[in-house]
Every structure is written in C-alpha cells, then in structure tokens.
N, C-alpha and C. Protein backbone atom coordinates (compact mmCIF):
# COMPACT_ATOMS: atom_id res chain seq x y z
N MET A 1 119.12 69.98 65.50
CA MET A 1 118.71 71.39 64.75
C MET A 1 118.67 72.27 66.37
N THR A 2 119.60 73.39 66.15
CA THR A 2 119.95 73.66 67.19
C THR A 2 118.73 74.75 67.21
N PRO A 3 118.07 75.70 68.61
CA PRO A 3 117.20 76.07 69.25
C PRO A 3 116.67 77.22 67.86
N SER A 4 117.66 77.98 67.40
CA SER A 4 117.66 79.21 66.74
C SER A 4 116.94 78.63 65.36
N ALA A 5 117.81 77.68 65.30
CA ALA A 5 117.58 76.83 63.58
C ALA A 5 116.16 76.27 63.60
N GLU A 6 115.58 75.62 64.88
CA GLU A 6 114.55 74.84 64.82
C GLU A 6 113.45 76.56 64.96
N ALA A 7 113.71 77.33 65.54
CA ALA A 7 112.43 78.09 65.79
C ALA A 7 112.58 79.47 64.29
N ALA A 8 113.49 79.51 63.48
CA ALA A 8 113.45 79.74 61.94
C ALA A 8 112.69 78.78 61.28
N SER A 9 112.27 77.59 61.68
CA SER A 9 111.74 76.60 60.49
C SER A 9 110.27 76.91 60.72
N GLN A 10 109.90 77.46 61.96
CA GLN A 10 108.68 77.64 62.13
C GLN A 10 107.92 78.54 61.18
N THR A 11 106.69 78.24 60.16
CA THR A 11 106.16 79.80 60.01
C THR A 11 105.38 80.55 61.17
N PHE A 12 104.56 79.96 62.15
CA PHE A 12 104.16 80.72 62.96
C PHE A 12 104.68 80.76 64.30
N ASN A 13 104.77 80.77 65.25
CA ASN A 13 105.21 80.57 66.62
C ASN A 13 103.81 80.78 67.45
N GLN A 14 102.73 79.90 67.69
CA GLN A 14 101.65 80.25 68.68
C GLN A 14 101.92 80.74 69.61
N VAL A 15 102.97 80.37 70.46
CA VAL A 15 103.40 80.16 71.97
C VAL A 15 103.78 81.90 72.21
N ARG A 16 104.57 82.49 71.52
CA ARG A 16 105.04 83.93 71.10
C ARG A 16 103.62 84.49 70.86
N PHE A 17 102.70 84.62 69.83
CA PHE A 17 101.56 85.28 69.70
C PHE A 17 100.74 85.31 70.68
N GLN A 18 99.96 84.30 71.71
CA GLN A 18 99.33 84.09 72.96
C GLN A 18 100.51 85.01 73.68
N ARG A 19 101.62 84.81 73.78
CA ARG A 19 102.04 85.73 75.12
C ARG A 19 102.14 87.17 74.64
N MET A 20 102.44 87.78 73.62
CA MET A 20 102.64 89.01 73.46
C MET A 20 101.13 89.69 73.23
N ALA A 21 100.45 88.88 73.15
CA ALA A 21 98.55 89.15 73.08
C ALA A 21 98.41 89.84 74.48
N CYS A 22 98.62 89.31 75.57
CA CYS A 22 98.66 89.59 76.66
C CYS A 22 97.33 89.55 77.05
N GLY A 23 96.71 88.33 76.69
CA GLY A 23 95.28 88.01 77.10
C GLY A 23 94.38 88.88 76.02
N ASP A 24 94.50 89.40 75.40
CA ASP A 24 93.75 90.06 74.08
C ASP A 24 93.82 89.32 73.14
N ILE A 25 93.38 88.26 73.03
CA ILE A 25 93.50 87.27 71.37
C ILE A 25 92.74 87.66 70.43
N PRO A 26 91.81 88.42 70.64
CA PRO A 26 90.88 88.49 69.93
C PRO A 26 91.12 89.63 68.95
N GLY A 27 92.06 90.91 69.99
CA GLY A 27 92.53 92.11 69.75
C GLY A 27 94.10 92.06 68.81
N PHE A 28 94.54 90.80 69.29
CA PHE A 28 96.06 90.47 68.84
C PHE A 28 95.50 90.17 67.25
N PHE A 29 94.19 89.30 67.01
CA PHE A 29 94.27 88.70 65.73
C PHE A 29 93.79 90.00 64.91
N GLU A 30 93.01 90.92 65.48
CA GLU A 30 92.98 92.21 64.41
C GLU A 30 93.88 92.76 64.05
N LEU A 31 95.20 92.83 64.74
CA LEU A 31 96.54 93.42 64.65
C LEU A 31 97.20 93.01 63.83
N ALA A 32 97.07 91.66 63.80
CA ALA A 32 97.92 90.19 62.99
C ALA A 32 96.92 90.87 61.72
N ASP A 33 95.55 90.90 61.74
CA ASP A 33 95.32 91.27 60.20
C ASP A 33 95.75 92.33 59.59
N GLU A 34 95.93 93.36 60.20
CA GLU A 34 96.81 95.01 59.83
C GLU A 34 97.94 94.92 59.75
N PHE A 35 98.40 94.11 60.38
CA PHE A 35 100.00 93.63 59.61
C PHE A 35 100.15 93.40 58.45
N PHE A 36 99.36 92.09 58.00
CA PHE A 36 99.24 91.27 57.16
C PHE A 36 99.13 92.69 55.75
N THR A 37 97.95 93.54 55.72
CA THR A 37 97.69 94.32 54.73
C THR A 37 98.75 95.40 54.87
N ASP A 38 98.98 96.19 55.89
CA ASP A 38 99.73 96.88 55.56
C ASP A 38 101.31 96.04 54.91
N VAL A 39 101.80 94.87 55.05
CA VAL A 39 103.00 94.19 55.01
C VAL A 39 102.62 94.17 52.81
N LYS A 40 101.56 93.81 52.73
CA LYS A 40 101.22 93.61 51.29
C LYS A 40 101.71 95.04 50.72
N VAL A 41 100.97 96.10 51.61
CA VAL A 41 101.21 97.36 50.57
C VAL A 41 102.71 97.68 50.45
N ARG A 42 103.18 97.22 51.53
CA ARG A 42 104.90 97.39 51.38
C ARG A 42 105.51 96.88 50.23
N LEU A 43 105.09 95.71 50.40
CA LEU A 43 105.82 94.78 49.36
C LEU A 43 105.59 95.28 47.81
N SER A 44 104.50 95.36 47.81
CA SER A 44 104.11 96.26 46.26
C SER A 44 104.84 97.25 45.98
N GLN A 45 105.59 97.69 47.02
CA GLN A 45 106.19 99.05 46.36
C GLN A 45 108.02 98.58 46.35
N TRP A 46 108.51 97.66 47.00
CA TRP A 46 109.75 97.44 46.76
C TRP A 46 110.56 97.36 45.77
N PRO A 47 109.79 96.64 44.74
CA PRO A 47 110.70 96.72 43.28
C PRO A 47 110.83 97.82 42.98
N ASP A 48 109.97 99.06 43.10
CA ASP A 48 110.50 100.45 42.85
C ASP A 48 111.31 101.01 43.42
N MET A 49 111.02 100.65 44.86
CA MET A 49 112.97 101.21 45.80
C MET A 49 113.70 100.47 45.26
N ARG A 50 113.99 99.29 44.89
CA ARG A 50 115.14 99.06 44.62
C ARG A 50 115.44 99.45 43.30
N GLN A 51 114.72 99.39 42.48
CA GLN A 51 114.82 99.64 41.02
C GLN A 51 115.43 101.34 41.07
N ALA A 52 115.11 102.25 41.88
CA ALA A 52 115.13 103.80 42.24
C ALA A 52 116.54 103.78 43.02
N GLY A 53 116.83 102.86 43.63
CA GLY A 53 118.24 102.45 44.49
C GLY A 53 118.36 103.26 45.81
N GLU A 54 116.81 103.36 46.10
CA GLU A 54 116.37 103.59 47.32
C GLU A 54 116.38 102.75 48.70
N PHE A 55 117.81 102.47 48.47
CA PHE A 55 118.58 101.43 49.61
C PHE A 55 118.19 101.22 51.09
N PRO A 56 118.48 102.59 51.20
CA PRO A 56 118.31 102.92 52.52
C PRO A 56 116.91 102.68 53.31
N ARG A 57 116.17 103.42 52.45
CA ARG A 57 114.58 103.26 52.40
C ARG A 57 114.19 101.93 52.72
N LEU A 58 114.78 101.30 51.83
CA LEU A 58 114.42 99.45 51.46
C LEU A 58 114.81 98.96 52.75
N LEU A 59 115.80 98.76 53.33
CA LEU A 59 116.30 98.30 54.60
C LEU A 59 115.85 98.84 55.31
N GLU A 60 114.93 100.17 55.69
CA GLU A 60 114.25 100.57 57.20
C GLU A 60 112.79 99.77 56.28
N GLU A 61 112.14 99.63 55.85
CA GLU A 61 111.09 99.04 55.15
C GLU A 61 111.16 97.13 55.60
N PHE A 62 112.08 96.67 55.43
CA PHE A 62 112.61 95.23 55.72
C PHE A 62 112.66 95.27 57.58
N HIS A 63 113.28 96.45 58.33
CA HIS A 63 113.28 96.53 59.33
C HIS A 63 111.70 96.68 60.39
N ARG A 64 111.11 97.50 59.71
CA ARG A 64 109.80 97.90 60.20
C ARG A 64 109.34 96.24 60.35
N CYS A 65 108.91 95.79 58.88
CA CYS A 65 108.42 94.66 58.83
C CYS A 65 108.86 93.40 59.74
N LYS A 66 109.88 93.32 59.84
CA LYS A 66 110.98 92.02 60.83
C LYS A 66 110.27 92.63 62.27
N GLY A 67 110.29 93.74 62.78
CA GLY A 67 109.89 93.62 63.93
C GLY A 67 108.51 93.49 64.08
N GLY A 68 107.57 93.38 63.24
CA GLY A 68 106.05 93.15 63.18
C GLY A 68 106.37 91.47 63.36
N ALA A 69 106.67 90.79 62.46
CA ALA A 69 107.08 89.55 62.14
C ALA A 69 107.87 88.90 63.57
N ALA A 70 108.42 89.64 64.17
CA ALA A 70 108.84 89.39 65.63
C ALA A 70 107.46 89.19 66.90
N MET A 71 106.98 90.16 66.90
CA MET A 71 105.79 90.34 67.53
C MET A 71 105.02 89.23 67.49
N PHE A 72 104.65 89.27 66.21
CA PHE A 72 103.86 88.23 65.77
C PHE A 72 104.10 86.88 66.19
N GLY A 73 105.39 86.32 66.07
CA GLY A 73 105.82 85.31 66.16
C GLY A 73 105.97 84.11 64.60
N PHE A 74 106.34 85.09 63.35
CA PHE A 74 106.19 84.90 62.30
C PHE A 74 107.49 84.55 61.86
N GLU A 75 108.33 83.60 62.51
CA GLU A 75 109.75 83.18 62.75
C GLU A 75 110.42 83.10 61.24
N ARG A 76 109.93 82.28 59.95
CA ARG A 76 110.65 82.76 59.35
C ARG A 76 110.57 83.88 58.45
N LEU A 77 109.50 84.51 58.38
CA LEU A 77 109.48 85.97 57.53
C LEU A 77 110.32 86.83 58.62
N PHE A 78 110.39 86.56 59.68
CA PHE A 78 111.80 87.20 60.76
C PHE A 78 112.76 87.03 60.12
N SER A 79 113.43 85.85 60.09
CA SER A 79 114.68 85.44 59.49
C SER A 79 114.93 85.60 58.14
N LEU A 80 114.16 85.46 57.35
CA LEU A 80 114.17 86.48 56.12
C LEU A 80 114.48 87.93 56.07
N LEU A 81 114.00 88.33 56.29
CA LEU A 81 114.12 89.69 56.73
C LEU A 81 115.09 90.26 56.93
N GLY A 82 115.48 89.59 58.43
CA GLY A 82 117.02 89.66 59.13
C GLY A 82 118.36 89.95 58.24
N TYR A 83 118.19 88.87 57.14
CA TYR A 83 118.98 88.30 56.12
C TYR A 83 119.02 89.38 55.27
N TRP A 84 117.84 89.83 54.81
CA TRP A 84 117.69 91.10 53.50
C TRP A 84 118.09 92.49 54.43
N GLU A 85 117.93 92.39 55.56
CA GLU A 85 118.33 93.83 56.05
C GLU A 85 119.89 93.79 56.33
N LEU A 86 120.74 92.84 56.44
CA LEU A 86 122.01 92.70 56.63
C LEU A 86 122.88 92.65 55.35
N ASP A 87 121.94 92.00 54.70
CA ASP A 87 122.80 91.58 53.23
C ASP A 87 123.15 92.50 52.16
N SER A 88 124.29 92.79 51.91
CA SER A 88 124.53 94.43 51.46
C SER A 88 124.31 93.58 49.57
N GLY A 89 123.62 92.56 49.47
CA GLY A 89 123.55 92.37 47.81
C GLY A 89 121.83 92.81 47.17
N ILE A 90 121.51 93.33 48.06
CA ILE A 90 120.11 93.84 47.45
C ILE A 90 120.33 94.94 46.55
N ALA A 91 121.34 95.56 46.37
CA ALA A 91 121.08 96.70 45.16
C ALA A 91 121.65 95.75 44.16
N GLN A 92 121.68 94.63 44.27
CA GLN A 92 122.01 93.77 42.82
C GLN A 92 120.64 93.12 42.56
N GLY A 93 119.44 93.02 43.52
CA GLY A 93 118.27 92.22 43.36
C GLY A 93 118.09 90.63 44.10
N GLU A 94 119.15 90.42 45.05
CA GLU A 94 119.54 89.48 45.70
C GLU A 94 118.18 89.15 46.78
N PHE A 95 117.27 89.56 46.61
CA PHE A 95 116.25 89.35 47.60
C PHE A 95 115.45 88.86 46.76
N ASP A 96 114.60 87.48 47.52
CA ASP A 96 113.54 86.38 46.35
C ASP A 96 112.25 87.43 46.82
N LEU A 97 111.45 88.05 46.31
CA LEU A 97 109.87 88.62 46.92
C LEU A 97 109.20 87.77 46.61
N GLU A 98 109.02 86.63 45.72
CA GLU A 98 108.13 85.57 45.60
C GLU A 98 108.27 84.62 46.72
N ARG A 99 109.20 84.75 47.20
CA ARG A 99 109.55 83.57 48.35
C ARG A 99 108.85 84.40 49.41
N PHE A 100 109.24 85.66 49.81
CA PHE A 100 108.50 86.35 50.69
C PHE A 100 106.83 86.70 50.72
N ALA A 101 106.69 86.75 49.59
CA ALA A 101 105.14 86.83 49.36
C ALA A 101 104.26 85.37 50.03
N GLU A 102 105.27 84.41 49.45
CA GLU A 102 104.89 82.67 50.00
C GLU A 102 105.06 82.96 51.37
N GLU A 103 105.83 82.88 52.21
CA GLU A 103 106.24 82.97 53.58
C GLU A 103 104.98 83.70 54.17
N LEU A 104 105.02 85.22 53.75
CA LEU A 104 103.67 85.98 54.33
C LEU A 104 102.26 85.43 54.04
N GLU A 105 102.11 84.88 52.68
CA GLU A 105 101.02 83.85 52.75
C GLU A 105 100.90 82.95 53.81
N ALA A 106 102.13 82.06 54.06
CA ALA A 106 101.87 81.14 54.72
C ALA A 106 101.42 81.36 56.56
N ALA A 107 102.38 82.87 56.87
CA ALA A 107 102.14 83.08 57.96
C ALA A 107 100.47 83.53 57.85
N GLU A 108 99.92 84.06 57.11
CA GLU A 108 98.49 84.34 57.26
C GLU A 108 97.53 83.30 57.45
N THR A 109 98.01 82.33 56.54
CA THR A 109 97.18 80.81 56.77
C THR A 109 97.17 80.13 58.03
N ALA A 110 98.40 80.56 58.76
CA ALA A 110 98.68 79.62 59.67
C ALA A 110 97.82 80.25 60.77
N VAL A 111 97.86 81.89 60.88
CA VAL A 111 97.07 82.85 61.89
C VAL A 111 95.59 82.59 61.81
N THR A 112 94.95 82.61 60.26
CA THR A 112 93.81 82.20 60.20
C THR A 112 93.55 80.40 60.66
N GLY A 113 94.18 79.66 60.55
CA GLY A 113 94.17 78.31 61.55
C GLY A 113 93.67 78.19 62.48
N PHE A 114 94.55 79.29 63.38
CA PHE A 114 94.94 79.12 64.51
C PHE A 114 93.57 79.76 65.13
N ARG A 115 93.23 80.92 64.61
CA ARG A 115 91.77 81.41 64.75
C ARG A 115 90.40 80.61 64.46
N GLU A 116 90.87 80.29 63.88
CA GLU A 116 89.91 79.40 63.85
C GLU A 116 89.64 77.73 65.04
N SER A 117 90.94 77.52 65.00
CA SER A 117 91.11 76.41 66.19
C SER A 117 90.61 77.09 67.57
N SER A 118 91.03 78.27 67.70
CA SER A 118 90.60 78.92 68.96
C SER A 118 89.15 79.37 69.36
N ASN A 119 88.23 79.32 68.07
CA ASN A 119 87.28 80.08 68.06
C ASN A 119 86.82 81.32 68.50
N VAL A 120 87.69 81.93 68.28
CA VAL A 120 87.89 83.55 68.55
C VAL A 120 86.93 84.42 66.85
C-alpha cells in the first residue's frame, strides 16, 4: 500500500490532529465539534443544491469541508470530498451522501474516542 493510499484508508489521523492543535488539544477538540456541527448543516442542504443545479456552489461546499477534513486529519473524508470536488458526475447525482454521512460519523466517533483516551 502506498503512503497516500494508506493515509486515505484512515478515518482519523491522530498525529495530524495533535500537530495542528499546536499544543491546545482541548481547544482543538472544541473546533472539531464545531466542524462536525457545521458539516451536518451543510450536508442537509446538498441534495437541494444539486437538484436546483447549483453545482458551482456545491463544489465550493465540498472544497470548504475538504479543508476542514485535512486540518483535523479526517483522511477518508478528505479523499471523498476531493474526489467529488473534481468529479464532473455530480450533476447526475453520482455522489453518495449516505457514505459521506457514515464517514462523518466514523470521524466523529474516532475523535470522541481520542478525547476520552486523552482525558481532555
């Protein structure tokens, strides 16, 4: 497995999370919570955007969420969003929102587990 494929197979990269926290792990956990809340709101709006043909706006949504996923170390979310951001098939609905929701939940669960094991 190549390093990039290995990274993409991870739900949550704890090393990246700790590095990006710059010593403020409790504060970074709070930011991660805000990310999850924000993305859930955005996710609820994506089907309507696609149906309305607002593809540039939808691509911008993917890009914004991809940046947060990269910052927090959510490797599979990052990869999925990056694929959608470049894929011309979104007009036909060729993106799996259920899979995205599952990946988002897996990342949130991983962060919760990391928080509990860190005693923060």
